[in-house]
Amino acid sequence: MNAVLFVGSVIFFLGSVIVLYKLFGKSGLYAYICFATILANIQVCKSIEIFGVATTAGAVLYASTFCCTDVLSENHSKEDAAKAVWLGVAVNLLWICGTQITLVFAPSASDYIQPSLEVVFGMVPRISFASLLSYVISQRLDVFMYHLIWQKTGNDKKGLWIRNNGSTLVSQSVDTVLFVTVALYGTMPNNVFVQVLGTTFLFKAVVALFDTPFVYIARHVHPIGSEQKGNAKNVQAA
């Protein structure tokens, strides 16, 4: 069942990126990144098994944010993609503060949810710090790599899959090592930790390969305009 849910969630989340982009343009992608960074920080607390190997429930959702920055890089500009990264950072900081304030409030005598919140939100500072660290470094690397490869491939649809997969796979590997190590090391047996490290990257890589057709669709949904053509000239000139 988890395998079926994995495939279904990949299609659902990447499809949602395209729907929001179609309806709201860049704002839809920014909104998706805010949603995904918050929910992924909750999902990562849950360990699951897919195809008999351990991973975290947040792998798919978090990996889908790279599709957003790649679409912004492809159809708009490097600055727009960088803005999305820093927006994700700001949302993460608000998330950390908001959850900890929630825990500080003294529960009433009739409250029953506080113990559950302490379990989930109690992990937030460590997980969110790991998320912030890995998110900033990997997403900035993704944007940098995307435009570096673009200098070699030009504004050509045939080269889109190279810059999309090349940038995402490299940045996902860095993201996985940083996040899993900082967030989860010491919270589980070492053999399980190593397995989670490997499988998390594996599943993120699968999402990266899956998202290529969606980036092509996004380019068709909002064809490259004068904003991106000007950016392409600047990249080539650089």
Protein backbone atom coordinates (compact mmCIF):
# COMPACT_ATOMS: atom_id res chain seq x y z
CA MET A 1 0.00 0.00 0.00
CA ASN A 2 2.84 2.42 0.81
CA ALA A 3 4.34 1.84 -2.64
CA VAL A 4 1.03 2.74 -4.27
CA LEU A 5 0.74 5.83 -2.06
CA PHE A 6 4.31 6.83 -2.95
CA VAL A 7 3.59 6.80 -6.69
CA GLY A 8 0.23 8.49 -6.15
CA SER A 9 1.71 11.22 -3.96
CA VAL A 10 4.45 11.96 -6.51
CA ILE A 11 1.82 12.49 -9.21
CA PHE A 12 -0.48 14.44 -6.87
CA PHE A 13 2.12 16.86 -5.52
CA LEU A 14 3.89 17.50 -8.84
CA GLY A 15 0.51 17.86 -10.50
CA SER A 16 -0.46 20.39 -7.82
CA VAL A 17 2.62 22.43 -8.69
CA ILE A 18 1.42 22.70 -12.30
CA VAL A 19 -2.19 23.49 -11.33
CA LEU A 20 -1.12 26.29 -8.98
CA TYR A 21 1.30 27.62 -11.60
CA LYS A 22 -1.44 27.59 -14.23
CA LEU A 23 -3.90 29.39 -11.95
CA PHE A 24 -1.63 31.86 -10.17
CA GLY A 25 1.69 32.01 -12.04
CA LYS A 26 4.77 32.64 -9.91
CA SER A 27 2.60 33.33 -6.85
CA GLY A 28 1.23 29.78 -7.06
CA LEU A 29 4.75 28.36 -6.88
CA TYR A 30 5.62 30.58 -3.93
CA ALA A 31 2.45 29.44 -2.15
CA TYR A 32 3.29 25.78 -2.81
CA ILE A 33 6.79 26.17 -1.36
CA CYS A 34 5.31 27.68 1.83
CA PHE A 35 2.87 24.78 2.13
CA ALA A 36 5.45 22.09 1.35
CA THR A 37 8.17 23.34 3.70
CA ILE A 38 5.76 23.31 6.65
CA LEU A 39 4.04 19.98 6.00
CA ALA A 40 7.29 18.22 5.07
CA ASN A 41 8.72 19.19 8.47
CA ILE A 42 5.81 17.36 10.07
CA GLN A 43 5.86 14.37 7.74
CA VAL A 44 9.57 13.78 8.27
CA CYS A 45 8.83 12.82 11.89
CA LYS A 46 7.07 9.70 10.58
CA SER A 47 9.18 6.71 9.53
CA ILE A 48 7.68 4.49 6.84
CA GLU A 49 8.69 1.54 4.68
CA ILE A 50 8.40 1.57 0.89
CA PHE A 51 9.34 -1.53 -1.09
CA GLY A 52 10.62 -2.99 2.19
CA VAL A 53 13.12 -0.21 3.01
CA ALA A 54 12.89 2.54 5.62
CA THR A 55 12.54 6.21 4.73
CA THR A 56 10.67 9.29 5.95
CA ALA A 57 7.16 10.29 4.93
CA GLY A 58 8.31 13.79 3.97
CA ALA A 59 10.72 12.77 1.20
CA VAL A 60 8.29 13.22 -1.70
CA LEU A 61 6.79 16.53 -0.60
CA TYR A 62 10.14 18.12 0.19
CA ALA A 63 11.66 16.93 -3.09
CA SER A 64 8.78 18.49 -5.03
CA THR A 65 9.93 21.98 -3.97
CA PHE A 66 12.90 21.57 -6.31
CA CYS A 67 10.43 21.34 -9.18
CA CYS A 68 9.19 24.82 -8.19
CA THR A 69 12.64 26.42 -8.22
CA ASP A 70 13.47 24.70 -11.52
CA VAL A 71 10.28 26.05 -13.11
CA LEU A 72 11.10 29.53 -11.81
CA SER A 73 14.62 29.22 -13.19
CA GLU A 74 13.36 27.91 -16.53
CA ASN A 75 10.44 30.26 -17.15
CA HIS A 76 11.37 33.36 -15.19
CA SER A 77 14.73 34.27 -13.70
CA LYS A 78 17.50 33.27 -11.34
CA GLU A 79 16.35 36.06 -9.00
CA ASP A 80 12.80 34.64 -8.88
CA ALA A 81 14.16 31.20 -7.98
CA ALA A 82 16.37 32.71 -5.28
CA LYS A 83 13.35 34.62 -3.91
CA ALA A 84 11.49 31.31 -3.55
CA VAL A 85 14.38 29.87 -1.54
CA TRP A 86 14.44 32.78 0.91
CA LEU A 87 10.66 32.70 1.17
CA GLY A 88 10.95 29.07 2.28
CA VAL A 89 13.52 30.11 4.89
CA ALA A 90 11.23 32.84 6.25
CA VAL A 91 8.31 30.42 6.51
CA ASN A 92 10.50 27.90 8.35
CA LEU A 93 11.55 30.52 10.89
CA LEU A 94 7.94 31.52 11.50
CA TRP A 95 7.03 27.83 11.82
CA ILE A 96 9.68 27.31 14.51
CA CYS A 97 8.56 30.34 16.51
CA GLY A 98 4.86 29.52 16.14
CA THR A 99 5.17 25.91 17.29
CA GLN A 100 7.27 26.76 20.31
CA ILE A 101 4.86 29.52 21.37
CA THR A 102 2.04 26.97 21.10
CA LEU A 103 3.86 24.62 23.47
CA VAL A 104 4.52 27.38 26.04
CA PHE A 105 0.81 28.09 26.51
CA ALA A 106 -0.43 26.27 29.62
CA PRO A 107 -3.16 23.79 28.61
CA SER A 108 -6.55 23.85 30.31
CA ALA A 109 -7.77 21.01 32.49
CA SER A 110 -9.96 19.72 29.66
CA ASP A 111 -7.16 19.76 27.07
CA TYR A 112 -6.06 16.42 25.68
CA ILE A 113 -3.87 17.40 22.71
CA GLN A 114 -0.84 18.86 24.58
CA PRO A 115 1.06 15.53 24.92
CA SER A 116 0.70 14.87 21.20
CA LEU A 117 1.83 18.40 20.33
CA GLU A 118 4.85 17.98 22.60
CA VAL A 119 5.84 14.84 20.70
CA VAL A 120 5.55 16.48 17.27
CA PHE A 121 6.47 20.09 18.02
CA GLY A 122 9.16 19.01 20.47
CA MET A 123 11.21 17.78 17.51
CA VAL A 124 10.62 20.98 15.54
CA PRO A 125 13.72 22.96 16.59
CA ARG A 126 16.15 20.22 15.59
CA ILE A 127 14.27 19.20 12.45
CA SER A 128 13.65 22.79 11.38
CA PHE A 129 17.29 23.74 11.93
CA ALA A 130 18.33 20.76 9.82
CA SER A 131 15.71 21.72 7.25
CA LEU A 132 16.86 25.34 7.13
CA LEU A 133 20.52 24.38 6.78
CA SER A 134 19.96 21.78 4.07
CA TYR A 135 17.24 23.81 2.33
CA VAL A 136 19.32 26.97 1.92
CA ILE A 137 22.47 25.20 0.80
CA SER A 138 20.83 22.66 -1.52
CA GLN A 139 18.29 25.03 -3.09
CA ARG A 140 20.89 27.72 -3.73
CA LEU A 141 23.11 25.02 -5.22
CA ASP A 142 20.18 23.87 -7.37
CA VAL A 143 19.61 27.37 -8.75
CA PHE A 144 23.35 27.86 -9.34
CA MET A 145 23.74 24.49 -11.07
CA TYR A 146 20.63 25.03 -13.19
CA HIS A 147 21.95 28.26 -14.63
CA LEU A 148 25.49 26.90 -14.93
CA ILE A 149 24.20 24.05 -17.08
CA TRP A 150 22.02 26.53 -18.96
CA GLN A 151 25.15 28.35 -20.10
CA LYS A 152 26.14 25.12 -21.86
CA THR A 153 22.74 24.08 -23.21
CA GLY A 154 21.20 27.49 -23.98
CA ASN A 155 17.48 28.22 -24.01
CA ASP A 156 16.66 24.94 -25.73
CA LYS A 157 13.87 22.51 -24.80
CA LYS A 158 16.13 19.60 -25.74
CA GLY A 159 18.53 20.59 -22.99
CA LEU A 160 15.84 21.12 -20.36
CA TRP A 161 16.03 17.54 -19.04
CA ILE A 162 19.81 17.87 -18.60
CA ARG A 163 19.68 21.06 -16.56
CA ASN A 164 16.62 19.88 -14.63
CA ASN A 165 17.97 16.47 -13.64
CA GLY A 166 21.62 17.51 -13.39
CA SER A 167 20.98 20.37 -10.99
CA THR A 168 18.35 18.53 -8.93
CA LEU A 169 20.24 15.26 -8.47
CA VAL A 170 23.40 17.05 -7.32
CA SER A 171 21.53 19.34 -4.94
CA GLN A 172 19.34 16.50 -3.64
CA SER A 173 22.40 14.47 -2.66
CA VAL A 174 23.78 17.40 -0.65
CA ASP A 175 20.37 18.08 0.87
CA THR A 176 19.87 14.47 1.94
CA VAL A 177 23.24 14.11 3.66
CA LEU A 178 22.87 17.39 5.53
CA PHE A 179 19.25 17.01 6.56
CA VAL A 180 19.20 13.34 7.57
CA THR A 181 22.46 13.66 9.52
CA VAL A 182 21.52 16.81 11.45
CA ALA A 183 17.84 15.89 12.00
CA LEU A 184 17.91 12.16 12.65
CA TYR A 185 21.36 10.99 13.68
CA GLY A 186 21.19 9.47 17.15
CA THR A 187 17.39 9.13 17.14
CA MET A 188 17.47 5.62 15.67
CA PRO A 189 19.84 2.63 15.44
CA ASN A 190 22.84 3.28 13.19
CA ASN A 191 21.89 0.57 10.70
CA VAL A 192 18.44 2.12 10.31
CA PHE A 193 20.00 5.60 10.01
CA VAL A 194 22.25 4.45 7.16
CA GLN A 195 19.29 2.84 5.44
CA VAL A 196 17.19 5.98 5.82
CA LEU A 197 20.06 8.09 4.44
CA GLY A 198 20.36 5.94 1.32
CA THR A 199 16.68 5.40 0.68
CA THR A 200 15.77 9.05 1.26
CA PHE A 201 18.15 10.07 -1.51
CA LEU A 202 16.87 7.24 -3.68
CA PHE A 203 13.25 8.32 -3.36
CA LYS A 204 14.17 11.98 -3.83
CA ALA A 205 16.07 11.02 -6.98
CA VAL A 206 12.98 9.21 -8.24
CA VAL A 207 10.91 12.35 -7.66
CA ALA A 208 13.58 14.39 -9.49
CA LEU A 209 13.31 12.12 -12.52
CA PHE A 210 9.51 12.17 -12.32
CA ASP A 211 9.37 15.96 -12.24
CA THR A 212 11.06 16.47 -15.63
CA PRO A 213 7.83 16.01 -17.65
CA PHE A 214 6.11 18.44 -15.28
CA VAL A 215 8.78 21.09 -15.92
CA TYR A 216 8.18 20.61 -19.65
CA ILE A 217 4.44 21.04 -19.02
CA ALA A 218 5.13 24.20 -17.00
CA ARG A 219 7.11 25.62 -19.88
CA HIS A 220 4.12 24.96 -22.13
CA VAL A 221 1.63 26.36 -19.58
CA HIS A 222 3.52 29.65 -19.35
CA PRO A 223 5.84 29.97 -22.37
CA ILE A 224 9.07 31.84 -21.76
CA GLY A 225 8.40 35.56 -21.98
CA SER A 226 10.52 38.64 -22.41
CA GLU A 227 11.57 38.49 -18.75
CA GLN A 228 13.24 35.11 -19.18
CA LYS A 229 14.59 35.87 -22.67
CA GLY A 230 16.37 38.86 -21.21
CA ASN A 231 17.69 36.69 -18.40
CA ALA A 232 18.93 34.12 -20.92
CA LYS A 233 20.87 36.82 -22.76
CA ASN A 234 22.43 37.94 -19.49
CA VAL A 235 23.43 34.36 -18.65
CA GLN A 236 25.01 33.88 -22.07
CA ALA A 237 26.78 37.22 -21.81
CA ALA A 238 28.19 36.25 -18.42
